[in-house]
């Protein structure tokens, strides 16, 4: 089975993408990229920017859980890396 899910508007489209692209050994960077990809395909927005997305990551470092909110510039960089800066496609 797979260990990713989505809730809310357009959750079926999101779950379809997750089922296809999720892998248990994703790096944190790849997981953020997958989350951004899912949001780009399911949001009711014509363009995707770091101002429109709020992305946070949770990870363990030195036996402590770390919460970090990504800056808009970090999200914009990921959007550019994934070539998602063009208007979002409807699914």
Protein backbone atom coordinates (compact mmCIF):
# COMPACT_ATOMS: atom_id res chain seq x y z
CA UNK A 1 0.00 0.00 0.00
CA UNK A 2 0.93 3.64 0.01
CA UNK A 3 1.16 6.01 2.97
CA UNK A 4 -0.08 9.33 1.61
CA UNK A 5 -3.54 10.84 1.57
CA UNK A 6 -5.39 14.10 0.96
CA UNK A 7 -8.55 15.68 2.30
CA UNK A 8 -10.66 18.61 1.22
CA UNK A 9 -11.52 20.05 -2.16
CA UNK A 10 -10.18 18.07 -5.13
CA UNK A 11 -8.96 15.30 -2.82
CA UNK A 12 -9.55 12.60 -5.45
CA UNK A 13 -7.15 14.30 -7.88
CA UNK A 14 -4.63 14.81 -5.09
CA UNK A 15 -4.85 11.19 -3.99
CA UNK A 16 -4.36 10.02 -7.56
CA UNK A 17 -1.12 12.01 -7.86
CA UNK A 18 0.06 10.83 -4.45
CA UNK A 19 -0.69 7.20 -5.29
CA UNK A 20 1.35 7.52 -8.48
CA UNK A 21 4.32 9.57 -7.21
CA UNK A 22 4.71 8.87 -3.47
CA UNK A 23 7.60 6.65 -2.43
CA UNK A 24 8.52 5.78 1.16
CA UNK A 25 12.15 6.79 0.62
CA UNK A 26 11.50 10.36 -0.58
CA UNK A 27 13.95 12.95 0.68
CA UNK A 28 12.50 15.92 2.54
CA UNK A 29 13.16 18.09 -0.52
CA UNK A 30 11.41 15.59 -2.81
CA UNK A 31 8.46 15.34 -0.42
CA UNK A 32 8.08 19.13 -0.42
CA UNK A 33 8.23 19.01 -4.21
CA UNK A 34 5.50 16.38 -4.31
CA UNK A 35 3.31 18.43 -1.98
CA UNK A 36 3.79 21.52 -4.14
CA UNK A 37 3.01 19.48 -7.27
CA UNK A 38 -0.20 18.14 -5.72
CA UNK A 39 -1.28 21.62 -4.68
CA UNK A 40 -0.47 23.04 -8.11
CA UNK A 41 -2.74 20.48 -9.75
CA UNK A 42 -5.61 20.79 -7.31
CA UNK A 43 -5.79 24.45 -6.25
CA UNK A 44 -8.44 26.75 -7.68
CA UNK A 45 -5.83 29.29 -8.70
CA UNK A 46 -4.49 30.34 -12.08
CA UNK A 47 -0.92 30.87 -10.93
CA UNK A 48 1.15 29.33 -8.17
CA UNK A 49 3.46 31.43 -5.99
CA UNK A 50 5.07 31.22 -2.58
CA UNK A 51 2.65 33.90 -1.42
CA UNK A 52 -0.31 31.63 -2.18
CA UNK A 53 1.12 28.52 -0.51
CA UNK A 54 2.15 28.00 3.07
CA UNK A 55 4.43 24.99 3.41
CA UNK A 56 5.75 23.64 6.68
CA UNK A 57 7.95 20.64 7.32
CA UNK A 58 8.33 18.41 10.36
CA UNK A 59 11.43 16.34 10.82
CA UNK A 60 13.53 14.78 13.54
CA UNK A 61 16.95 16.21 14.32
CA UNK A 62 19.08 15.06 17.26
CA UNK A 63 16.09 13.16 18.70
CA UNK A 64 13.93 16.30 18.67
CA UNK A 65 11.02 17.12 16.40
CA UNK A 66 11.66 20.27 14.40
CA UNK A 67 8.89 22.37 12.82
CA UNK A 68 9.92 24.80 10.11
CA UNK A 69 7.77 27.06 7.98
CA UNK A 70 9.32 27.54 4.55
CA UNK A 71 9.86 31.12 3.39
CA UNK A 72 8.04 32.33 0.26
CA UNK A 73 11.38 32.37 -1.59
CA UNK A 74 11.97 28.69 -0.75
CA UNK A 75 8.53 27.75 -2.05
CA UNK A 76 9.05 29.88 -5.16
CA UNK A 77 12.37 28.10 -5.78
CA UNK A 78 10.65 24.70 -5.57
CA UNK A 79 7.89 25.90 -7.93
CA UNK A 80 10.54 27.00 -10.42
CA UNK A 81 12.53 23.75 -10.05
CA UNK A 82 9.39 21.77 -10.86
CA UNK A 83 8.47 24.10 -13.74
CA UNK A 84 5.11 24.85 -12.11
CA UNK A 85 5.26 28.63 -12.38
CA UNK A 86 2.98 28.56 -15.41
CA UNK A 87 -0.78 28.71 -14.83
CA UNK A 88 -2.01 25.67 -12.91
CA UNK A 89 -3.76 23.05 -15.01
CA UNK A 90 -7.21 21.91 -14.00
CA UNK A 91 -7.60 18.18 -13.50
